[in-house]
């Protein structure tokens, strides 16, 4: 399963030009999508993915 970080509530855009993407669940910044780095580092898919709530949902 491919994790789409852009749809995760923990994904964030940083002001760091060298590492413009971040994950607040794992607490790191990276050039690539955080889920890709997690997969490369651990060999497992991201276990912290939580879908963003859509407007109108609670």
PDB file of N, CA and C in Angstrom:
ATOM      1  N   UNK A   1       0.849  -1.185   0.000  1.00  0.00           N
ATOM      2  CA  UNK A   1       0.000   0.000   0.000  1.00  0.00           C
ATOM      3  C   UNK A   1       0.891   1.243   0.000  1.00  0.00           C
ATOM      4  N   UNK A   2       0.609   2.166  -0.884  1.00  0.00           N
ATOM      5  CA  UNK A   2       1.382   3.403  -0.944  1.00  0.00           C
ATOM      6  C   UNK A   2       0.694   4.461  -0.084  1.00  0.00           C
ATOM      7  N   UNK A   3       1.428   5.025   0.840  1.00  0.00           N
ATOM      8  CA  UNK A   3       0.908   6.041   1.743  1.00  0.00           C
ATOM      9  C   UNK A   3       1.010   7.411   1.067  1.00  0.00           C
ATOM     10  N   UNK A   4      -0.078   8.158   1.068  1.00  0.00           N
ATOM     11  CA  UNK A   4      -0.093   9.509   0.500  1.00  0.00           C
ATOM     12  C   UNK A   4       0.021  10.512   1.650  1.00  0.00           C
ATOM     13  N   UNK A   5       1.219  10.980   1.903  1.00  0.00           N
ATOM     14  CA  UNK A   5       1.467  11.902   3.009  1.00  0.00           C
ATOM     15  C   UNK A   5       0.621  13.172   2.921  1.00  0.00           C
ATOM     16  N   UNK A   6       0.305  13.596   1.708  1.00  0.00           N
ATOM     17  CA  UNK A   6      -0.480  14.823   1.543  1.00  0.00           C
ATOM     18  C   UNK A   6      -1.884  14.673   2.133  1.00  0.00           C
ATOM     19  N   UNK A   7      -2.324  13.449   2.352  1.00  0.00           N
ATOM     20  CA  UNK A   7      -3.643  13.196   2.927  1.00  0.00           C
ATOM     21  C   UNK A   7      -3.569  12.850   4.417  1.00  0.00           C
ATOM     22  N   UNK A   8      -2.385  12.964   5.008  1.00  0.00           N
ATOM     23  CA  UNK A   8      -2.180  12.616   6.417  1.00  0.00           C
ATOM     24  C   UNK A   8      -2.187  13.869   7.296  1.00  0.00           C
ATOM     25  N   UNK A   9      -2.813  13.762   8.453  1.00  0.00           N
ATOM     26  CA  UNK A   9      -2.881  14.916   9.357  1.00  0.00           C
ATOM     27  C   UNK A   9      -1.519  15.262   9.957  1.00  0.00           C
ATOM     28  N   UNK A  10      -0.549  14.371   9.918  1.00  0.00           N
ATOM     29  CA  UNK A  10       0.772  14.635  10.482  1.00  0.00           C
ATOM     30  C   UNK A  10       1.750  15.253   9.486  1.00  0.00           C
ATOM     31  N   UNK A  11       1.387  15.264   8.208  1.00  0.00           N
ATOM     32  CA  UNK A  11       2.258  15.848   7.191  1.00  0.00           C
ATOM     33  C   UNK A  11       2.277  17.364   7.339  1.00  0.00           C
ATOM     34  N   UNK A  12       3.477  17.948   7.170  1.00  0.00           N
ATOM     35  CA  UNK A  12       3.580  19.401   7.238  1.00  0.00           C
ATOM     36  C   UNK A  12       4.614  19.896   6.241  1.00  0.00           C
ATOM     37  N   UNK A  13       4.429  21.115   5.809  1.00  0.00           N
ATOM     38  CA  UNK A  13       5.389  21.784   4.938  1.00  0.00           C
ATOM     39  C   UNK A  13       6.235  22.664   5.840  1.00  0.00           C
ATOM     40  N   UNK A  14       7.553  22.605   5.664  1.00  0.00           N
ATOM     41  CA  UNK A  14       8.454  23.378   6.522  1.00  0.00           C
ATOM     42  C   UNK A  14       9.017  24.575   5.759  1.00  0.00           C
ATOM     43  N   UNK A  15       9.652  25.465   6.489  1.00  0.00           N
ATOM     44  CA  UNK A  15      10.323  26.619   5.890  1.00  0.00           C
ATOM     45  C   UNK A  15      11.753  26.289   5.485  1.00  0.00           C
ATOM     46  N   UNK A  16      12.207  25.109   5.786  1.00  0.00           N
ATOM     47  CA  UNK A  16      13.567  24.670   5.493  1.00  0.00           C
ATOM     48  C   UNK A  16      13.673  24.315   4.009  1.00  0.00           C
ATOM     49  N   UNK A  17      14.438  25.089   3.257  1.00  0.00           N
ATOM     50  CA  UNK A  17      14.564  24.843   1.814  1.00  0.00           C
ATOM     51  C   UNK A  17      15.221  23.507   1.509  1.00  0.00           C
ATOM     52  N   UNK A  18      16.101  23.047   2.387  1.00  0.00           N
ATOM     53  CA  UNK A  18      16.781  21.775   2.168  1.00  0.00           C
ATOM     54  C   UNK A  18      15.913  20.575   2.543  1.00  0.00           C
ATOM     55  N   UNK A  19      14.958  20.773   3.427  1.00  0.00           N
ATOM     56  CA  UNK A  19      14.061  19.710   3.878  1.00  0.00           C
ATOM     57  C   UNK A  19      12.637  20.266   3.975  1.00  0.00           C
ATOM     58  N   UNK A  20      11.974  20.421   2.836  1.00  0.00           N
ATOM     59  CA  UNK A  20      10.694  21.127   2.817  1.00  0.00           C
ATOM     60  C   UNK A  20       9.480  20.342   3.319  1.00  0.00           C
ATOM     61  N   UNK A  21       9.644  19.053   3.574  1.00  0.00           N
ATOM     62  CA  UNK A  21       8.512  18.242   4.035  1.00  0.00           C
ATOM     63  C   UNK A  21       8.821  17.634   5.386  1.00  0.00           C
ATOM     64  N   UNK A  22       7.791  17.504   6.200  1.00  0.00           N
ATOM     65  CA  UNK A  22       8.020  16.966   7.534  1.00  0.00           C
ATOM     66  C   UNK A  22       6.886  16.088   8.011  1.00  0.00           C
ATOM     67  N   UNK A  23       7.172  15.352   9.082  1.00  0.00           N
ATOM     68  CA  UNK A  23       6.185  14.496   9.718  1.00  0.00           C
ATOM     69  C   UNK A  23       6.187  14.818  11.207  1.00  0.00           C
ATOM     70  N   UNK A  24       5.077  15.336  11.704  1.00  0.00           N
ATOM     71  CA  UNK A  24       5.024  15.679  13.127  1.00  0.00           C
ATOM     72  C   UNK A  24       4.830  14.445  14.001  1.00  0.00           C
ATOM     73  N   UNK A  25       4.358  13.339  13.450  1.00  0.00           N
ATOM     74  CA  UNK A  25       4.210  12.106  14.228  1.00  0.00           C
ATOM     75  C   UNK A  25       5.580  11.513  14.554  1.00  0.00           C
ATOM     76  N   UNK A  26       6.466  11.488  13.569  1.00  0.00           N
ATOM     77  CA  UNK A  26       7.807  10.947  13.776  1.00  0.00           C
ATOM     78  C   UNK A  26       8.817  12.023  14.160  1.00  0.00           C
ATOM     79  N   UNK A  27       8.493  13.286  13.889  1.00  0.00           N
ATOM     80  CA  UNK A  27       9.355  14.385  14.294  1.00  0.00           C
ATOM     81  C   UNK A  27      10.583  14.602  13.440  1.00  0.00           C
ATOM     82  N   UNK A  28      10.450  14.494  12.124  1.00  0.00           N
ATOM     83  CA  UNK A  28      11.595  14.764  11.256  1.00  0.00           C
ATOM     84  C   UNK A  28      11.177  15.558  10.029  1.00  0.00           C
ATOM     85  N   UNK A  29      12.202  16.138   9.355  1.00  0.00           N
ATOM     86  CA  UNK A  29      12.025  16.860   8.097  1.00  0.00           C
ATOM     87  C   UNK A  29      12.843  16.131   7.040  1.00  0.00           C
ATOM     88  N   UNK A  30      12.404  16.212   5.781  1.00  0.00           N
ATOM     89  CA  UNK A  30      13.080  15.496   4.705  1.00  0.00           C
ATOM     90  C   UNK A  30      12.818  16.165   3.364  1.00  0.00           C
ATOM     91  N   UNK A  31      13.631  15.831   2.362  1.00  0.00           N
ATOM     92  CA  UNK A  31      13.417  16.328   1.006  1.00  0.00           C
ATOM     93  C   UNK A  31      12.298  15.561   0.316  1.00  0.00           C
ATOM     94  N   UNK A  32      12.215  14.278   0.614  1.00  0.00           N
ATOM     95  CA  UNK A  32      11.217  13.434  -0.046  1.00  0.00           C
ATOM     96  C   UNK A  32       9.978  13.303   0.835  1.00  0.00           C
ATOM     97  N   UNK A  33       9.014  12.569   0.375  1.00  0.00           N
ATOM     98  CA  UNK A  33       7.826  12.352   1.203  1.00  0.00           C
ATOM     99  C   UNK A  33       8.227  11.541   2.438  1.00  0.00           C
ATOM    100  N   UNK A  34       7.733  11.910   3.593  1.00  0.00           N
ATOM    101  CA  UNK A  34       8.090  11.187   4.811  1.00  0.00           C
ATOM    102  C   UNK A  34       7.810   9.683   4.739  1.00  0.00           C
ATOM    103  N   UNK A  35       6.723   9.286   4.095  1.00  0.00           N
ATOM    104  CA  UNK A  35       6.406   7.853   4.008  1.00  0.00           C
ATOM    105  C   UNK A  35       7.477   7.083   3.236  1.00  0.00           C
ATOM    106  N   UNK A  36       8.088   7.723   2.258  1.00  0.00           N
ATOM    107  CA  UNK A  36       9.159   7.088   1.482  1.00  0.00           C
ATOM    108  C   UNK A  36      10.379   6.873   2.377  1.00  0.00           C
ATOM    109  N   UNK A  37      10.733   7.879   3.168  1.00  0.00           N
ATOM    110  CA  UNK A  37      11.869   7.767   4.073  1.00  0.00           C
ATOM    111  C   UNK A  37      11.632   6.684   5.129  1.00  0.00           C
ATOM    112  N   UNK A  38      10.415   6.618   5.660  1.00  0.00           N
ATOM    113  CA  UNK A  38      10.073   5.591   6.649  1.00  0.00           C
ATOM    114  C   UNK A  38      10.231   4.201   6.030  1.00  0.00           C
ATOM    115  N   UNK A  39       9.736   4.027   4.815  1.00  0.00           N
ATOM    116  CA  UNK A  39       9.834   2.736   4.119  1.00  0.00           C
ATOM    117  C   UNK A  39      11.291   2.368   3.862  1.00  0.00           C
ATOM    118  N   UNK A  40      12.102   3.334   3.433  1.00  0.00           N
ATOM    119  CA  UNK A  40      13.518   3.068   3.169  1.00  0.00           C
ATOM    120  C   UNK A  40      14.267   2.726   4.453  1.00  0.00           C
ATOM    121  N   UNK A  41      13.937   3.400   5.536  1.00  0.00           N
ATOM    122  CA  UNK A  41      14.657   3.221   6.790  1.00  0.00           C
ATOM    123  C   UNK A  41      14.274   1.942   7.519  1.00  0.00           C
ATOM    124  N   UNK A  42      12.978   1.637   7.538  1.00  0.00           N
ATOM    125  CA  UNK A  42      12.511   0.507   8.349  1.00  0.00           C
ATOM    126  C   UNK A  42      12.107  -0.709   7.526  1.00  0.00           C
ATOM    127  N   UNK A  43      11.863  -0.495   6.236  1.00  0.00           N
ATOM    128  CA  UNK A  43      11.387  -1.595   5.408  1.00  0.00           C
ATOM    129  C   UNK A  43       9.888  -1.824   5.560  1.00  0.00           C
ATOM    130  N   UNK A  44       9.232  -0.992   6.376  1.00  0.00           N
ATOM    131  CA  UNK A  44       7.801  -1.127   6.620  1.00  0.00           C
ATOM    132  C   UNK A  44       7.084   0.139   6.154  1.00  0.00           C
ATOM    133  N   UNK A  45       5.800  -0.027   5.825  1.00  0.00           N
ATOM    134  CA  UNK A  45       4.984   1.144   5.506  1.00  0.00           C
ATOM    135  C   UNK A  45       4.795   1.973   6.768  1.00  0.00           C
ATOM    136  N   UNK A  46       4.496   3.237   6.601  1.00  0.00           N
ATOM    137  CA  UNK A  46       4.265   4.135   7.729  1.00  0.00           C
ATOM    138  C   UNK A  46       3.102   3.619   8.575  1.00  0.00           C
ATOM    139  N   UNK A  47       3.315   3.533   9.877  1.00  0.00           N
ATOM    140  CA  UNK A  47       2.287   3.049  10.795  1.00  0.00           C
ATOM    141  C   UNK A  47       1.551   4.184  11.492  1.00  0.00           C
ATOM    142  N   UNK A  48       1.955   5.415  11.226  1.00  0.00           N
ATOM    143  CA  UNK A  48       1.361   6.569  11.909  1.00  0.00           C
ATOM    144  C   UNK A  48       0.358   7.331  11.047  1.00  0.00           C
ATOM    145  N   UNK A  49       0.088   6.857   9.842  1.00  0.00           N
ATOM    146  CA  UNK A  49      -0.820   7.564   8.939  1.00  0.00           C
ATOM    147  C   UNK A  49      -2.215   7.683   9.549  1.00  0.00           C
ATOM    148  N   UNK A  50      -2.719   8.921   9.568  1.00  0.00           N
ATOM    149  CA  UNK A  50      -4.092   9.205   9.987  1.00  0.00           C
ATOM    150  C   UNK A  50      -4.660  10.169   8.954  1.00  0.00           C
ATOM    151  N   UNK A  51      -5.726   9.759   8.301  1.00  0.00           N
ATOM    152  CA  UNK A  51      -6.313  10.590   7.247  1.00  0.00           C
ATOM    153  C   UNK A  51      -6.798  11.923   7.806  1.00  0.00           C
ATOM    154  N   UNK A  52      -6.579  12.984   7.035  1.00  0.00           N
ATOM    155  CA  UNK A  52      -7.086  14.303   7.408  1.00  0.00           C
ATOM    156  C   UNK A  52      -8.595  14.266   7.395  1.00  0.00           C
ATOM    157  N   UNK A  53      -9.190  15.028   8.277  1.00  0.00           N
ATOM    158  CA  UNK A  53     -10.644  15.140   8.279  1.00  0.00           C
ATOM    159  C   UNK A  53     -11.052  16.081   7.165  1.00  0.00           C
ATOM    160  N   UNK A  54     -12.051  15.684   6.419  1.00  0.00           N
ATOM    161  CA  UNK A  54     -12.554  16.529   5.341  1.00  0.00           C
ATOM    162  C   UNK A  54     -13.509  17.547   5.936  1.00  0.00           C
ATOM    163  N   UNK A  55     -13.668  18.657   5.234  1.00  0.00           N
ATOM    164  CA  UNK A  55     -14.586  19.689   5.724  1.00  0.00           C
ATOM    165  C   UNK A  55     -15.978  19.105   5.865  1.00  0.00           C
ATOM    166  N   UNK A  56     -16.634  19.455   6.954  1.00  0.00           N
ATOM    167  CA  UNK A  56     -17.961  18.957   7.209  1.00  0.00           C
ATOM    168  C   UNK A  56     -17.991  17.709   8.063  1.00  0.00           C
ATOM    169  N   UNK A  57     -16.810  17.090   8.273  1.00  0.00           N
ATOM    170  CA  UNK A  57     -16.717  15.912   9.128  1.00  0.00           C
ATOM    171  C   UNK A  57     -16.238  16.327  10.511  1.00  0.00           C
ATOM    172  N   UNK A  58     -16.583  15.546  11.495  1.00  0.00           N
ATOM    173  CA  UNK A  58     -16.117  15.811  12.853  1.00  0.00           C
ATOM    174  C   UNK A  58     -15.101  14.817  13.278  1.00  0.00           C
TER     175      UNK A  58
END
